[in-house]
C-alpha cells in the first residue's frame, strides 16, 4: 500500500517532467548540473552531459564532438559509496550549432531518465544490503534474470521495502523486463522507487 502511494506521486511528477524537461534544461550550468531547486529533474547519479548519449544514442544530426569539449568521469558505485558522474571542461567555446546539439543531447538524457531525482530523493528508501532477505536470485544473462528481496526492518507488511526484478527473452526480437518495488539489488545506501514494465525490450 505504501509503495502504491509513492508510485502515484512518482507518476504525477513524471508527467510534470515530460511537460517541462525542454524548459528546465536552460537552467543547467556548463557542467550539466541543475540548480538545487531543480535537482528532482536530474538523475541523482549523473550530470546531463553523458558521453555515450552524444556519441551513440541521439540521431546523428544532434551529435557533436563531445571529446573536444569534455572529459567524462562515470559514476562510482561501490558499497554504500556513490559519486555521481561528472565532466571536466576542456574547451568551453561552443558554436551555436554545438550548443543546439548539446541541448538536444541533454533533453534526450532527461527523457530517458524522467524524474530520476524525485524517484530517488522523495520516493526512495534508505537500506542496508545486509538486512535484505533474498528469496530468488539468478542471472544467466542481461536478458534472463530474476530477483526477489525484502529488507528486514521494523516496517509492517504494508510499508516494507522490497524489490521484484524479472527479465526473460521470449522470442528472437524481444524480451520482457519488469522492475517493481525499490531498487535494492546490489549496493547499500538509498534505493530509488521502481515501476517499470516493458514486454518489448529489444533483444541483442
N, C-alpha and C. Protein backbone atom coordinates (compact mmCIF):
# COMPACT_ATOMS: atom_id res chain seq x y z
N UNK A 1 0.83 -1.21 0.00
CA UNK A 1 0.00 0.00 0.00
C UNK A 1 0.86 1.26 0.00
N UNK A 2 1.90 1.26 0.84
CA UNK A 2 2.80 2.41 0.91
C UNK A 2 3.46 2.65 -0.45
N UNK A 3 3.87 1.57 -1.11
CA UNK A 3 4.51 1.66 -2.41
C UNK A 3 3.56 2.25 -3.45
N UNK A 4 2.30 1.87 -3.40
CA UNK A 4 1.32 2.38 -4.35
C UNK A 4 1.19 3.89 -4.24
N UNK A 5 1.19 4.42 -3.01
CA UNK A 5 1.10 5.86 -2.81
C UNK A 5 2.33 6.57 -3.38
N UNK A 6 3.50 5.96 -3.18
CA UNK A 6 4.71 6.54 -3.76
C UNK A 6 4.66 6.51 -5.29
N UNK A 7 4.14 5.44 -5.85
CA UNK A 7 4.05 5.32 -7.31
C UNK A 7 3.12 6.39 -7.87
N UNK A 8 2.01 6.64 -7.20
CA UNK A 8 1.09 7.70 -7.65
C UNK A 8 1.82 9.04 -7.69
N UNK A 9 2.58 9.33 -6.63
CA UNK A 9 3.34 10.59 -6.59
C UNK A 9 4.41 10.61 -7.68
N UNK A 10 5.08 9.48 -7.88
CA UNK A 10 6.14 9.41 -8.88
C UNK A 10 5.59 9.58 -10.30
N UNK A 11 4.47 8.95 -10.59
CA UNK A 11 3.86 9.09 -11.92
C UNK A 11 3.41 10.53 -12.14
N UNK A 12 2.83 11.14 -11.10
CA UNK A 12 2.38 12.53 -11.23
C UNK A 12 3.55 13.46 -11.53
N UNK A 13 4.67 13.25 -10.83
CA UNK A 13 5.83 14.10 -11.08
C UNK A 13 6.44 13.81 -12.44
N UNK A 14 6.41 12.57 -12.87
CA UNK A 14 6.92 12.22 -14.20
C UNK A 14 6.15 12.96 -15.29
N UNK A 15 4.86 13.09 -15.12
CA UNK A 15 4.05 13.84 -16.09
C UNK A 15 4.50 15.30 -16.14
N UNK A 16 4.75 15.86 -14.96
CA UNK A 16 5.26 17.24 -14.90
C UNK A 16 6.58 17.34 -15.65
N UNK A 17 7.46 16.34 -15.45
CA UNK A 17 8.76 16.34 -16.12
C UNK A 17 8.62 16.24 -17.63
N UNK A 18 7.73 15.37 -18.09
CA UNK A 18 7.52 15.23 -19.54
C UNK A 18 7.10 16.55 -20.17
N UNK A 19 6.37 17.36 -19.41
CA UNK A 19 5.89 18.63 -19.92
C UNK A 19 6.91 19.75 -19.80
N UNK A 20 7.90 19.59 -18.91
CA UNK A 20 8.81 20.71 -18.61
C UNK A 20 10.28 20.42 -18.85
N UNK A 21 10.65 19.19 -19.20
CA UNK A 21 12.07 18.88 -19.42
C UNK A 21 12.71 19.85 -20.41
N UNK A 22 11.99 20.15 -21.47
CA UNK A 22 12.53 21.03 -22.52
C UNK A 22 12.90 22.40 -21.96
N UNK A 23 12.20 22.82 -20.88
CA UNK A 23 12.41 24.15 -20.31
C UNK A 23 13.51 24.17 -19.26
N UNK A 24 13.51 23.18 -18.36
CA UNK A 24 14.44 23.23 -17.23
C UNK A 24 15.90 23.13 -17.68
N UNK A 25 16.13 22.56 -18.87
CA UNK A 25 17.50 22.44 -19.36
C UNK A 25 18.18 23.80 -19.45
N UNK A 26 17.43 24.85 -19.72
CA UNK A 26 18.01 26.18 -19.85
C UNK A 26 18.63 26.67 -18.54
N UNK A 27 18.29 26.02 -17.43
CA UNK A 27 18.82 26.43 -16.13
C UNK A 27 20.06 25.63 -15.73
N UNK A 28 20.45 24.65 -16.55
CA UNK A 28 21.63 23.83 -16.24
C UNK A 28 22.90 24.66 -16.47
N UNK A 29 23.93 24.38 -15.68
CA UNK A 29 25.20 25.10 -15.84
C UNK A 29 26.06 24.42 -16.91
N UNK A 30 27.27 24.93 -17.11
CA UNK A 30 28.14 24.40 -18.15
C UNK A 30 28.64 22.99 -17.85
N UNK A 31 28.49 22.57 -16.61
CA UNK A 31 28.90 21.22 -16.23
C UNK A 31 27.72 20.23 -16.28
N UNK A 32 26.59 20.70 -16.80
CA UNK A 32 25.43 19.83 -16.94
C UNK A 32 24.74 19.51 -15.64
N UNK A 33 24.74 20.45 -14.70
CA UNK A 33 24.07 20.25 -13.42
C UNK A 33 22.98 21.28 -13.21
N UNK A 34 21.86 20.83 -12.69
CA UNK A 34 20.74 21.70 -12.38
C UNK A 34 20.98 22.45 -11.07
N UNK A 35 20.37 23.63 -10.90
CA UNK A 35 20.39 24.26 -9.58
C UNK A 35 19.63 23.40 -8.58
N UNK A 36 19.88 23.61 -7.32
CA UNK A 36 19.32 22.75 -6.27
C UNK A 36 17.80 22.65 -6.36
N UNK A 37 17.14 23.76 -6.71
CA UNK A 37 15.68 23.76 -6.75
C UNK A 37 15.11 22.90 -7.88
N UNK A 38 15.96 22.48 -8.82
CA UNK A 38 15.50 21.66 -9.94
C UNK A 38 16.17 20.28 -9.97
N UNK A 39 16.78 19.90 -8.87
CA UNK A 39 17.51 18.63 -8.86
C UNK A 39 16.60 17.42 -9.02
N UNK A 40 15.34 17.54 -8.72
CA UNK A 40 14.42 16.41 -8.90
C UNK A 40 14.30 16.01 -10.36
N UNK A 41 14.59 16.92 -11.27
CA UNK A 41 14.53 16.60 -12.70
C UNK A 41 15.77 15.82 -13.15
N UNK A 42 16.88 16.05 -12.47
CA UNK A 42 18.15 15.46 -12.88
C UNK A 42 18.35 14.09 -12.27
N UNK A 43 19.08 13.21 -12.98
CA UNK A 43 19.42 11.93 -12.39
C UNK A 43 20.32 12.14 -11.18
N UNK A 44 20.12 11.36 -10.14
CA UNK A 44 20.88 11.53 -8.91
C UNK A 44 22.33 11.10 -9.06
N UNK A 45 22.62 10.30 -10.10
CA UNK A 45 23.96 9.71 -10.21
C UNK A 45 24.74 10.20 -11.43
N UNK A 46 24.28 11.29 -12.06
CA UNK A 46 24.98 11.78 -13.23
C UNK A 46 24.62 13.23 -13.53
N UNK A 47 25.50 13.86 -14.28
CA UNK A 47 25.20 15.18 -14.84
C UNK A 47 24.38 14.98 -16.11
N UNK A 48 24.04 16.06 -16.80
CA UNK A 48 23.26 15.96 -18.03
C UNK A 48 24.11 15.64 -19.24
N UNK A 49 25.41 15.83 -19.12
CA UNK A 49 26.32 15.61 -20.24
C UNK A 49 27.00 14.25 -20.08
N UNK A 50 26.43 13.25 -20.74
CA UNK A 50 26.93 11.88 -20.64
C UNK A 50 27.45 11.47 -22.01
N UNK A 51 28.66 10.98 -22.07
CA UNK A 51 29.34 10.80 -23.35
C UNK A 51 28.61 9.90 -24.33
N UNK A 52 28.10 8.76 -23.89
CA UNK A 52 27.53 7.81 -24.85
C UNK A 52 26.25 8.34 -25.50
N UNK A 53 25.56 9.26 -24.83
CA UNK A 53 24.38 9.87 -25.43
C UNK A 53 24.78 10.68 -26.65
N UNK A 54 25.81 11.53 -26.47
CA UNK A 54 26.26 12.41 -27.55
C UNK A 54 26.96 11.64 -28.67
N UNK A 55 27.53 10.49 -28.35
CA UNK A 55 28.31 9.76 -29.34
C UNK A 55 27.52 8.67 -30.06
N UNK A 56 26.53 8.08 -29.39
CA UNK A 56 25.91 6.88 -29.95
C UNK A 56 24.39 6.90 -29.99
N UNK A 57 23.75 7.54 -29.03
CA UNK A 57 22.32 7.34 -28.84
C UNK A 57 21.46 8.28 -29.65
N UNK A 58 21.76 9.57 -29.61
CA UNK A 58 20.91 10.54 -30.31
C UNK A 58 21.10 10.40 -31.82
N UNK A 59 20.12 10.83 -32.62
CA UNK A 59 20.31 10.84 -34.08
C UNK A 59 21.55 11.67 -34.45
N UNK A 60 22.17 11.33 -35.56
CA UNK A 60 23.43 11.95 -35.94
C UNK A 60 23.34 13.46 -36.04
N UNK A 61 22.19 13.98 -36.40
CA UNK A 61 22.04 15.42 -36.54
C UNK A 61 22.27 16.16 -35.22
N UNK A 62 22.09 15.45 -34.10
CA UNK A 62 22.26 16.07 -32.78
C UNK A 62 23.60 15.75 -32.13
N UNK A 63 24.46 15.04 -32.81
CA UNK A 63 25.75 14.67 -32.23
C UNK A 63 26.78 15.77 -32.43
N UNK A 64 27.58 16.00 -31.41
CA UNK A 64 28.67 16.97 -31.52
C UNK A 64 29.94 16.32 -31.00
N UNK A 65 31.07 17.00 -31.15
CA UNK A 65 32.36 16.44 -30.75
C UNK A 65 32.50 16.55 -29.23
N UNK A 66 31.93 15.57 -28.55
CA UNK A 66 31.92 15.58 -27.08
C UNK A 66 33.34 15.62 -26.52
N UNK A 67 34.23 14.82 -27.08
CA UNK A 67 35.60 14.71 -26.56
C UNK A 67 36.41 15.99 -26.76
N UNK A 68 35.99 16.85 -27.67
CA UNK A 68 36.65 18.13 -27.86
C UNK A 68 36.40 19.05 -26.67
N UNK A 69 35.23 18.93 -26.07
CA UNK A 69 34.81 19.86 -25.02
C UNK A 69 34.90 19.29 -23.61
N UNK A 70 34.74 17.98 -23.47
CA UNK A 70 34.64 17.39 -22.13
C UNK A 70 35.51 16.15 -21.97
N UNK A 71 35.87 15.91 -20.72
CA UNK A 71 36.29 14.58 -20.28
C UNK A 71 35.21 14.11 -19.32
N UNK A 72 34.63 12.96 -19.62
CA UNK A 72 33.55 12.45 -18.80
C UNK A 72 34.06 11.41 -17.81
N UNK A 73 33.68 11.58 -16.55
CA UNK A 73 34.03 10.63 -15.48
C UNK A 73 32.75 9.93 -15.02
N UNK A 74 32.61 8.63 -15.30
CA UNK A 74 31.38 7.91 -14.96
C UNK A 74 31.15 7.87 -13.45
N UNK A 75 29.91 7.61 -13.09
CA UNK A 75 29.55 7.48 -11.68
C UNK A 75 30.29 6.32 -11.05
N UNK A 76 30.54 6.44 -9.74
CA UNK A 76 31.20 5.39 -8.97
C UNK A 76 30.20 4.87 -7.94
N UNK A 77 29.95 3.57 -7.98
CA UNK A 77 29.06 2.93 -7.01
C UNK A 77 29.80 1.74 -6.42
N UNK A 78 30.16 1.86 -5.15
CA UNK A 78 30.97 0.84 -4.51
C UNK A 78 30.54 0.73 -3.05
N UNK A 79 29.84 -0.36 -2.72
CA UNK A 79 29.30 -0.49 -1.37
C UNK A 79 28.26 0.59 -1.14
N UNK A 80 28.41 1.36 -0.06
CA UNK A 80 27.49 2.46 0.22
C UNK A 80 27.97 3.75 -0.42
N UNK A 81 29.11 3.72 -1.10
CA UNK A 81 29.68 4.91 -1.73
C UNK A 81 29.05 5.15 -3.09
N UNK A 82 28.64 6.41 -3.34
CA UNK A 82 28.11 6.76 -4.64
C UNK A 82 28.61 8.16 -5.00
N UNK A 83 29.43 8.23 -6.04
CA UNK A 83 29.92 9.50 -6.55
C UNK A 83 29.30 9.72 -7.92
N UNK A 84 28.50 10.77 -8.09
CA UNK A 84 27.82 10.99 -9.37
C UNK A 84 28.83 11.21 -10.51
N UNK A 85 28.43 10.83 -11.71
CA UNK A 85 29.25 11.09 -12.88
C UNK A 85 29.33 12.59 -13.14
N UNK A 86 30.45 13.04 -13.68
CA UNK A 86 30.64 14.48 -13.91
C UNK A 86 31.58 14.68 -15.09
N UNK A 87 31.66 15.91 -15.54
CA UNK A 87 32.55 16.23 -16.66
C UNK A 87 33.57 17.29 -16.24
N UNK A 88 34.72 17.20 -16.89
CA UNK A 88 35.73 18.25 -16.81
C UNK A 88 35.72 18.96 -18.16
N UNK A 89 35.67 20.28 -18.12
CA UNK A 89 35.60 21.05 -19.36
C UNK A 89 37.00 21.26 -19.92
N UNK A 90 37.19 20.86 -21.17
CA UNK A 90 38.46 21.07 -21.86
C UNK A 90 38.40 22.35 -22.69
N UNK A 91 37.33 22.47 -23.45
CA UNK A 91 37.14 23.63 -24.32
C UNK A 91 35.74 24.19 -24.09
N UNK A 92 35.64 25.35 -23.44
CA UNK A 92 34.32 25.92 -23.13
C UNK A 92 33.67 26.65 -24.30
N UNK A 93 34.38 26.76 -25.41
CA UNK A 93 33.85 27.51 -26.55
C UNK A 93 33.00 26.60 -27.45
N UNK A 94 31.71 26.77 -27.39
CA UNK A 94 30.78 26.02 -28.23
C UNK A 94 30.24 26.93 -29.33
N UNK A 95 30.17 26.43 -30.52
CA UNK A 95 29.49 27.17 -31.58
C UNK A 95 27.99 27.13 -31.31
N UNK A 96 27.24 27.96 -32.00
CA UNK A 96 25.79 27.95 -31.84
C UNK A 96 25.23 26.58 -32.20
N UNK A 97 25.74 26.00 -33.26
CA UNK A 97 25.29 24.66 -33.68
C UNK A 97 25.55 23.64 -32.59
N UNK A 98 26.74 23.69 -31.98
CA UNK A 98 27.08 22.74 -30.92
C UNK A 98 26.21 22.93 -29.69
N UNK A 99 25.88 24.17 -29.38
CA UNK A 99 25.00 24.42 -28.23
C UNK A 99 23.60 23.84 -28.47
N UNK A 100 23.12 23.98 -29.68
CA UNK A 100 21.82 23.39 -30.01
C UNK A 100 21.90 21.87 -29.92
N UNK A 101 22.97 21.30 -30.44
CA UNK A 101 23.14 19.85 -30.38
C UNK A 101 23.25 19.38 -28.92
N UNK A 102 24.01 20.11 -28.11
CA UNK A 102 24.14 19.75 -26.70
C UNK A 102 22.79 19.83 -26.00
N UNK A 103 22.00 20.82 -26.35
CA UNK A 103 20.66 20.94 -25.77
C UNK A 103 19.85 19.67 -26.02
N UNK A 104 19.86 19.19 -27.26
CA UNK A 104 19.07 18.01 -27.58
C UNK A 104 19.65 16.75 -26.96
N UNK A 105 20.96 16.69 -26.79
CA UNK A 105 21.56 15.56 -26.07
C UNK A 105 21.11 15.55 -24.61
N UNK A 106 21.11 16.71 -23.99
CA UNK A 106 20.64 16.82 -22.60
C UNK A 106 19.16 16.47 -22.50
N UNK A 107 18.40 16.94 -23.47
CA UNK A 107 16.96 16.65 -23.47
C UNK A 107 16.71 15.15 -23.61
N UNK A 108 17.48 14.52 -24.48
CA UNK A 108 17.36 13.06 -24.67
C UNK A 108 17.63 12.35 -23.35
N UNK A 109 18.67 12.77 -22.65
CA UNK A 109 19.04 12.15 -21.38
C UNK A 109 17.92 12.30 -20.35
N UNK A 110 17.31 13.49 -20.28
CA UNK A 110 16.24 13.70 -19.31
C UNK A 110 15.02 12.85 -19.63
N UNK A 111 14.65 12.74 -20.89
CA UNK A 111 13.50 11.91 -21.23
C UNK A 111 13.81 10.43 -21.07
N UNK A 112 15.06 10.09 -21.21
CA UNK A 112 15.48 8.69 -20.99
C UNK A 112 15.39 8.34 -19.50
N UNK A 113 15.56 9.33 -18.63
CA UNK A 113 15.60 9.11 -17.18
C UNK A 113 14.67 10.10 -16.47
N UNK A 114 13.43 10.12 -16.89
CA UNK A 114 12.49 11.14 -16.41
C UNK A 114 12.26 11.08 -14.91
N UNK A 115 12.47 12.23 -14.26
CA UNK A 115 12.16 12.36 -12.84
C UNK A 115 12.99 11.50 -11.91
N UNK A 116 14.21 11.12 -12.32
CA UNK A 116 15.02 10.23 -11.50
C UNK A 116 15.35 10.84 -10.14
N UNK A 117 15.60 12.13 -10.11
CA UNK A 117 15.92 12.77 -8.83
C UNK A 117 14.78 12.67 -7.84
N UNK A 118 13.56 12.85 -8.32
CA UNK A 118 12.37 12.73 -7.47
C UNK A 118 12.18 11.29 -7.01
N UNK A 119 12.35 10.36 -7.94
CA UNK A 119 12.18 8.93 -7.61
C UNK A 119 13.20 8.48 -6.58
N UNK A 120 14.36 9.13 -6.58
CA UNK A 120 15.43 8.75 -5.65
C UNK A 120 15.32 9.50 -4.32
N UNK A 121 15.18 10.80 -4.38
CA UNK A 121 15.22 11.62 -3.17
C UNK A 121 13.91 11.61 -2.40
N UNK A 122 12.78 11.69 -3.11
CA UNK A 122 11.47 11.78 -2.45
C UNK A 122 10.85 10.40 -2.23
N UNK A 123 10.88 9.57 -3.27
CA UNK A 123 10.22 8.26 -3.19
C UNK A 123 11.19 7.13 -2.85
N UNK A 124 12.47 7.46 -2.69
CA UNK A 124 13.46 6.44 -2.39
C UNK A 124 13.46 6.00 -0.94
N UNK A 125 14.21 4.95 -0.65
CA UNK A 125 14.32 4.40 0.70
C UNK A 125 15.79 4.13 1.04
N UNK A 126 16.17 4.44 2.29
CA UNK A 126 17.48 4.06 2.78
C UNK A 126 17.43 2.61 3.26
N UNK A 127 18.51 1.87 2.99
CA UNK A 127 18.53 0.48 3.42
C UNK A 127 19.97 -0.01 3.48
N UNK A 128 20.14 -1.12 4.17
CA UNK A 128 21.44 -1.79 4.26
C UNK A 128 21.29 -3.15 3.57
N UNK A 129 22.17 -3.43 2.64
CA UNK A 129 22.04 -4.68 1.89
C UNK A 129 22.14 -5.91 2.78
N UNK A 130 22.76 -5.76 3.95
CA UNK A 130 22.87 -6.89 4.87
C UNK A 130 21.56 -7.19 5.59
N UNK A 131 20.58 -6.27 5.46
CA UNK A 131 19.26 -6.51 6.02
C UNK A 131 18.29 -7.10 5.00
N UNK A 132 18.79 -7.34 3.79
CA UNK A 132 17.93 -7.84 2.72
C UNK A 132 17.87 -9.36 2.77
N UNK A 133 16.65 -9.89 2.81
CA UNK A 133 16.45 -11.32 2.70
C UNK A 133 16.09 -11.63 1.25
N UNK A 134 16.91 -12.44 0.62
CA UNK A 134 16.72 -12.75 -0.80
C UNK A 134 15.95 -14.06 -0.95
N UNK A 135 14.88 -14.02 -1.74
CA UNK A 135 14.06 -15.19 -1.95
C UNK A 135 14.33 -15.84 -3.31
N UNK A 136 14.83 -15.07 -4.22
CA UNK A 136 15.16 -15.63 -5.54
C UNK A 136 16.23 -14.73 -6.16
N UNK A 137 17.27 -15.31 -6.64
CA UNK A 137 18.33 -14.50 -7.24
C UNK A 137 19.12 -15.33 -8.24
N UNK A 138 18.80 -15.17 -9.51
CA UNK A 138 19.63 -15.78 -10.53
C UNK A 138 19.76 -14.82 -11.70
N UNK A 139 20.86 -14.93 -12.40
CA UNK A 139 21.11 -14.07 -13.55
C UNK A 139 22.02 -14.82 -14.52
N UNK A 140 21.39 -15.41 -15.52
CA UNK A 140 22.15 -16.12 -16.55
C UNK A 140 22.72 -15.16 -17.58
N UNK A 141 22.01 -14.05 -17.79
CA UNK A 141 22.44 -13.04 -18.75
C UNK A 141 21.65 -11.78 -18.48
N UNK A 142 21.92 -10.72 -19.26
CA UNK A 142 21.16 -9.48 -19.14
C UNK A 142 19.70 -9.67 -19.51
N UNK A 143 19.40 -10.74 -20.21
CA UNK A 143 18.04 -10.97 -20.68
C UNK A 143 17.43 -12.24 -20.09
N UNK A 144 18.00 -12.71 -19.02
CA UNK A 144 17.45 -13.88 -18.32
C UNK A 144 17.84 -13.77 -16.85
N UNK A 145 16.98 -13.15 -16.06
CA UNK A 145 17.31 -12.91 -14.65
C UNK A 145 16.04 -12.75 -13.82
N UNK A 146 16.18 -13.03 -12.53
CA UNK A 146 15.07 -12.84 -11.61
C UNK A 146 15.63 -12.54 -10.22
N UNK A 147 15.02 -11.58 -9.54
CA UNK A 147 15.46 -11.23 -8.19
C UNK A 147 14.24 -10.83 -7.37
N UNK A 148 14.14 -11.39 -6.17
CA UNK A 148 13.10 -11.01 -5.22
C UNK A 148 13.77 -10.82 -3.86
N UNK A 149 13.62 -9.65 -3.29
CA UNK A 149 14.24 -9.37 -1.99
C UNK A 149 13.38 -8.45 -1.14
N UNK A 150 13.49 -8.59 0.18
CA UNK A 150 12.76 -7.76 1.13
C UNK A 150 13.71 -7.31 2.21
N UNK A 151 13.69 -6.03 2.55
CA UNK A 151 14.51 -5.51 3.63
C UNK A 151 13.85 -5.87 4.96
N UNK A 152 14.60 -6.55 5.81
CA UNK A 152 14.08 -6.98 7.12
C UNK A 152 14.29 -5.86 8.13
N UNK A 153 13.31 -4.98 8.25
CA UNK A 153 13.38 -3.88 9.22
C UNK A 153 12.09 -3.85 10.02
N UNK A 154 11.86 -2.75 10.74
CA UNK A 154 10.70 -2.71 11.64
C UNK A 154 9.43 -2.21 10.96
N UNK A 155 9.47 -2.04 9.64
CA UNK A 155 8.25 -1.64 8.93
C UNK A 155 7.28 -2.82 8.88
N UNK A 156 5.98 -2.51 8.81
CA UNK A 156 5.00 -3.59 8.74
C UNK A 156 4.87 -4.10 7.31
N UNK A 157 4.03 -5.08 7.12
CA UNK A 157 3.95 -5.76 5.83
C UNK A 157 3.53 -4.82 4.71
N UNK A 158 2.79 -3.75 5.05
CA UNK A 158 2.31 -2.83 4.02
C UNK A 158 3.33 -1.75 3.67
N UNK A 159 4.33 -1.57 4.51
CA UNK A 159 5.30 -0.50 4.27
C UNK A 159 6.73 -1.01 4.10
N UNK A 160 6.90 -2.32 3.97
CA UNK A 160 8.22 -2.90 3.78
C UNK A 160 8.89 -2.36 2.52
N UNK A 161 10.22 -2.38 2.53
CA UNK A 161 11.00 -2.08 1.34
C UNK A 161 11.30 -3.39 0.64
N UNK A 162 10.88 -3.51 -0.62
CA UNK A 162 11.00 -4.78 -1.33
C UNK A 162 11.38 -4.52 -2.78
N UNK A 163 11.76 -5.59 -3.45
CA UNK A 163 12.18 -5.47 -4.84
C UNK A 163 11.82 -6.73 -5.61
N UNK A 164 11.24 -6.53 -6.79
CA UNK A 164 10.98 -7.63 -7.71
C UNK A 164 11.52 -7.24 -9.07
N UNK A 165 12.46 -8.05 -9.57
CA UNK A 165 13.06 -7.82 -10.88
C UNK A 165 13.00 -9.09 -11.70
N UNK A 166 12.53 -8.96 -12.93
CA UNK A 166 12.42 -10.14 -13.79
C UNK A 166 12.64 -9.73 -15.24
N UNK A 167 13.44 -10.49 -15.94
CA UNK A 167 13.55 -10.30 -17.37
C UNK A 167 13.74 -11.66 -18.03
N UNK A 168 13.12 -11.81 -19.20
CA UNK A 168 13.16 -13.09 -19.90
C UNK A 168 13.00 -12.86 -21.40
N UNK A 169 13.94 -13.39 -22.13
CA UNK A 169 13.82 -13.34 -23.59
C UNK A 169 12.81 -14.40 -24.02
N UNK A 170 11.79 -13.99 -24.77
CA UNK A 170 10.75 -14.93 -25.14
C UNK A 170 10.63 -15.13 -26.66
N UNK A 171 11.41 -14.39 -27.42
CA UNK A 171 11.45 -14.62 -28.85
C UNK A 171 12.75 -14.04 -29.41
N UNK A 172 12.92 -14.15 -30.69
CA UNK A 172 14.16 -13.71 -31.33
C UNK A 172 14.37 -12.21 -31.18
N UNK A 173 13.30 -11.45 -31.13
CA UNK A 173 13.41 -9.99 -31.21
C UNK A 173 13.26 -9.28 -29.87
N UNK A 174 12.48 -9.84 -28.94
CA UNK A 174 12.14 -9.11 -27.72
C UNK A 174 12.35 -9.93 -26.46
N UNK A 175 12.49 -9.20 -25.35
CA UNK A 175 12.39 -9.82 -24.04
C UNK A 175 11.58 -8.91 -23.13
N UNK A 176 10.98 -9.52 -22.12
CA UNK A 176 10.17 -8.75 -21.17
C UNK A 176 11.04 -8.36 -19.98
N UNK A 177 10.84 -7.15 -19.48
CA UNK A 177 11.57 -6.67 -18.30
C UNK A 177 10.59 -6.02 -17.34
N UNK A 178 10.59 -6.50 -16.10
CA UNK A 178 9.71 -5.97 -15.06
C UNK A 178 10.55 -5.59 -13.85
N UNK A 179 10.35 -4.40 -13.35
CA UNK A 179 11.06 -3.94 -12.14
C UNK A 179 10.06 -3.19 -11.27
N UNK A 180 9.76 -3.75 -10.09
CA UNK A 180 8.78 -3.16 -9.18
C UNK A 180 9.38 -3.05 -7.78
N UNK A 181 8.82 -2.19 -6.96
CA UNK A 181 9.28 -2.01 -5.58
C UNK A 181 10.32 -0.91 -5.51
N UNK A 182 11.46 -1.23 -4.89
CA UNK A 182 12.60 -0.32 -4.83
C UNK A 182 13.84 -1.05 -5.34
N UNK A 183 14.79 -0.31 -5.88
CA UNK A 183 15.98 -0.93 -6.47
C UNK A 183 17.01 -1.25 -5.39
N UNK A 184 16.74 -2.31 -4.64
CA UNK A 184 17.61 -2.69 -3.53
C UNK A 184 18.64 -3.74 -3.91
N UNK A 185 18.61 -4.20 -5.13
CA UNK A 185 19.55 -5.23 -5.55
C UNK A 185 20.96 -4.67 -5.65
N UNK A 186 21.88 -5.23 -4.89
CA UNK A 186 23.28 -4.82 -5.02
C UNK A 186 23.78 -3.95 -3.88
N UNK A 187 23.88 -2.64 -4.09
CA UNK A 187 24.56 -1.75 -3.16
C UNK A 187 23.71 -1.40 -1.96
N UNK A 188 24.37 -1.09 -0.85
CA UNK A 188 23.70 -0.47 0.29
C UNK A 188 23.55 1.01 0.00
N UNK A 189 22.73 1.67 0.80
CA UNK A 189 22.59 3.11 0.66
C UNK A 189 21.14 3.50 0.49
N UNK A 190 20.86 4.20 -0.60
CA UNK A 190 19.49 4.64 -0.87
C UNK A 190 19.04 4.04 -2.19
N UNK A 191 17.81 3.55 -2.20
CA UNK A 191 17.25 2.92 -3.40
C UNK A 191 16.10 3.75 -3.93
N UNK A 192 16.14 4.03 -5.23
CA UNK A 192 15.04 4.75 -5.84
C UNK A 192 13.86 3.81 -6.07
N UNK A 193 12.69 4.37 -6.17
CA UNK A 193 11.49 3.57 -6.41
C UNK A 193 11.54 3.02 -7.82
N UNK A 194 10.91 1.87 -8.02
CA UNK A 194 10.92 1.21 -9.33
C UNK A 194 9.50 0.88 -9.77
N UNK A 195 9.20 1.24 -11.00
CA UNK A 195 7.91 0.88 -11.59
C UNK A 195 8.11 0.82 -13.11
N UNK A 196 8.51 -0.36 -13.58
CA UNK A 196 8.88 -0.49 -14.98
C UNK A 196 8.37 -1.84 -15.49
N UNK A 197 7.53 -1.78 -16.51
CA UNK A 197 7.03 -3.00 -17.16
C UNK A 197 7.15 -2.78 -18.67
N UNK A 198 7.99 -3.55 -19.30
CA UNK A 198 8.20 -3.41 -20.75
C UNK A 198 8.31 -4.79 -21.37
N UNK A 199 7.28 -5.22 -22.10
CA UNK A 199 7.33 -6.55 -22.74
C UNK A 199 8.00 -6.53 -24.11
N UNK A 200 8.49 -5.37 -24.52
CA UNK A 200 9.03 -5.27 -25.87
C UNK A 200 10.43 -4.64 -25.90
N UNK A 201 11.28 -5.01 -24.93
CA UNK A 201 12.66 -4.55 -24.99
C UNK A 201 13.39 -5.32 -26.08
N UNK A 202 14.19 -4.60 -26.84
CA UNK A 202 14.88 -5.22 -27.97
C UNK A 202 15.95 -6.19 -27.49
N UNK A 203 15.94 -7.38 -28.02
CA UNK A 203 16.94 -8.38 -27.67
C UNK A 203 18.23 -8.12 -28.45
N UNK A 204 19.33 -8.56 -27.87
CA UNK A 204 20.62 -8.42 -28.55
C UNK A 204 20.69 -9.33 -29.76
